[in-house]
Amino acid sequence: MADSVAARGVALRHPAAAPLAVLAAGAAGAGYLYVTDPHQPGHVLPRCPFHLVTGLLCPACGGTRMVYDLMHGHLAGAWLDNRALLLASPFALALLARWAAEGLRGRRWRPELRPRTQALILLVAVAWTVARNLV
């Protein structure tokens, strides 16, 4: 009986629920980030665990500072914080928008990346990590 109730709960969830929850969480995080300068010490924002353990910058290190700079109109600062993430942001936002739009239309949507595309993304992330740690 419990299995059928759980199955019905999943089946009854609207396809827009997950993307709208992600958007709401992103908006809440952006609101906090807008008034909290991650360039200054004393904020409650999490540190990168990869950087804490290895001392190296991961492909996403600087992403929080980049978003803060973008929200405050500092494109040059965002560029310096994380170039690769800044260039990838429009694609990520487009995927989020498509996910939300399809959900609002009542359809479930998942992006399907070909293995070659996945390999390319991984290669770019590794190359960016190596390049930014050599400088």
Protein backbone atom coordinates (compact mmCIF):
# COMPACT_ATOMS: atom_id res chain seq x y z
CA MET A 1 0.00 0.00 0.00
CA ALA A 2 2.81 2.44 0.90
CA ASP A 3 4.49 1.78 -2.45
CA SER A 4 1.37 2.71 -4.39
CA VAL A 5 0.92 5.91 -2.37
CA ALA A 6 4.55 6.89 -3.03
CA ALA A 7 4.17 6.06 -6.71
CA ARG A 8 1.01 8.14 -6.96
CA GLY A 9 2.75 11.07 -5.24
CA VAL A 10 5.48 11.04 -7.86
CA ALA A 11 2.97 10.67 -10.67
CA LEU A 12 0.88 13.57 -9.36
CA ARG A 13 3.77 16.04 -9.09
CA HIS A 14 3.52 18.65 -11.82
CA PRO A 15 6.43 18.74 -14.30
CA ALA A 16 7.04 22.40 -13.45
CA ALA A 17 7.56 21.73 -9.73
CA ALA A 18 11.28 20.92 -9.88
CA PRO A 19 12.38 23.72 -12.24
CA LEU A 20 10.29 26.28 -10.34
CA ALA A 21 11.82 25.08 -7.05
CA VAL A 22 15.30 25.48 -8.56
CA LEU A 23 14.39 28.98 -9.76
CA ALA A 24 13.01 29.92 -6.33
CA ALA A 25 16.12 28.61 -4.57
CA GLY A 26 18.31 30.46 -7.08
CA ALA A 27 16.37 33.68 -6.52
CA ALA A 28 16.71 33.33 -2.74
CA GLY A 29 20.43 32.65 -3.07
CA ALA A 30 20.86 35.57 -5.46
CA GLY A 31 19.02 37.84 -3.03
CA TYR A 32 21.41 36.89 -0.25
CA LEU A 33 24.43 37.13 -2.52
CA TYR A 34 23.39 40.59 -3.73
CA VAL A 35 23.84 42.04 -0.24
CA THR A 36 26.84 39.87 0.75
CA ASP A 37 30.15 40.68 -0.90
CA PRO A 38 32.03 37.38 -1.38
CA HIS A 39 35.22 39.37 -2.06
CA GLN A 40 35.25 40.41 1.62
CA PRO A 41 35.83 38.13 4.62
CA GLY A 42 33.10 37.51 7.16
CA HIS A 43 30.30 36.21 4.94
CA VAL A 44 28.48 32.91 5.48
CA LEU A 45 28.99 31.64 1.94
CA PRO A 46 30.53 28.16 1.63
CA ARG A 47 34.12 27.72 0.51
CA CYS A 48 35.09 25.39 -2.31
CA PRO A 49 35.82 21.94 -0.82
CA PHE A 50 38.20 21.06 -3.66
CA HIS A 51 40.23 24.20 -2.98
CA LEU A 52 40.20 23.59 0.79
CA VAL A 53 41.56 20.06 0.35
CA THR A 54 44.03 20.55 -2.52
CA GLY A 55 44.85 24.26 -2.53
CA LEU A 56 44.05 24.26 -6.26
CA LEU A 57 41.26 26.08 -8.08
CA CYS A 58 38.48 23.89 -9.45
CA PRO A 59 36.69 24.77 -12.71
CA ALA A 60 33.95 26.58 -10.77
CA CYS A 61 36.13 28.44 -8.24
CA GLY A 62 35.28 32.11 -8.41
CA GLY A 63 31.73 31.41 -9.57
CA THR A 64 30.11 33.04 -6.54
CA ARG A 65 32.27 36.14 -6.93
CA MET A 66 31.49 36.14 -10.67
CA VAL A 67 27.73 36.13 -10.05
CA TYR A 68 28.09 38.88 -7.44
CA ASP A 69 30.07 41.01 -9.90
CA LEU A 70 27.52 40.41 -12.66
CA MET A 71 24.64 41.42 -10.39
CA HIS A 72 26.46 44.65 -9.59
CA GLY A 73 27.33 45.42 -13.22
CA HIS A 74 31.05 44.64 -12.98
CA LEU A 75 31.61 42.60 -16.14
CA ALA A 76 35.40 42.99 -16.02
CA GLY A 77 35.46 41.68 -12.45
CA ALA A 78 33.25 38.74 -13.42
CA TRP A 79 35.63 37.97 -16.30
CA LEU A 80 38.59 37.91 -13.92
CA ASP A 81 36.75 35.73 -11.37
CA ASN A 82 36.01 32.85 -13.77
CA ARG A 83 36.16 33.26 -17.56
CA ALA A 84 35.02 29.75 -18.43
CA LEU A 85 32.01 29.84 -16.14
CA LEU A 86 31.06 33.28 -17.43
CA LEU A 87 31.13 32.00 -21.02
CA ALA A 88 29.14 28.87 -20.07
CA SER A 89 26.48 30.77 -18.09
CA PRO A 90 24.22 31.64 -21.04
CA PHE A 91 24.04 27.95 -22.00
CA ALA A 92 23.18 26.91 -18.44
CA LEU A 93 20.53 29.62 -18.20
CA ALA A 94 19.08 28.53 -21.55
CA LEU A 95 18.81 24.94 -20.29
CA LEU A 96 17.11 26.13 -17.10
CA ALA A 97 14.69 28.28 -19.09
CA ARG A 98 13.83 25.38 -21.40
CA TRP A 99 13.31 23.06 -18.43
CA ALA A 100 10.97 25.57 -16.79
CA ALA A 101 9.10 26.32 -20.04
CA GLU A 102 8.52 22.65 -20.78
CA GLY A 103 7.40 22.07 -17.18
CA LEU A 104 4.92 24.93 -17.39
CA ARG A 105 3.54 23.34 -20.55
CA GLY A 106 2.98 20.16 -18.54
CA ARG A 107 5.82 18.20 -20.15
CA ARG A 108 8.81 16.61 -18.50
CA TRP A 109 12.14 17.49 -20.11
CA ARG A 110 15.70 16.37 -19.59
CA PRO A 111 18.58 17.48 -21.76
CA GLU A 112 20.28 14.56 -23.43
CA LEU A 113 23.93 15.09 -24.19
CA ARG A 114 25.70 12.78 -26.58
CA PRO A 115 28.80 11.04 -25.26
CA ARG A 116 31.01 13.23 -27.47
CA THR A 117 29.43 16.37 -26.00
CA GLN A 118 29.93 15.05 -22.47
CA ALA A 119 33.56 14.27 -23.26
CA LEU A 120 34.05 17.77 -24.70
CA ILE A 121 32.60 19.40 -21.58
CA LEU A 122 34.85 17.28 -19.37
CA LEU A 123 37.88 18.08 -21.52
CA VAL A 124 37.19 21.83 -21.36
CA ALA A 125 36.72 21.65 -17.57
CA VAL A 126 40.00 19.77 -17.09
CA ALA A 127 41.87 22.09 -19.47
CA TRP A 128 40.48 25.15 -17.68
CA THR A 129 41.45 23.70 -14.30
CA VAL A 130 45.00 23.01 -15.45
CA ALA A 131 45.37 26.39 -17.19
CA ARG A 132 44.14 28.46 -14.26
CA ASN A 133 46.37 26.63 -11.79
CA LEU A 134 49.50 27.08 -13.90
CA VAL A 135 49.26 30.86 -14.00
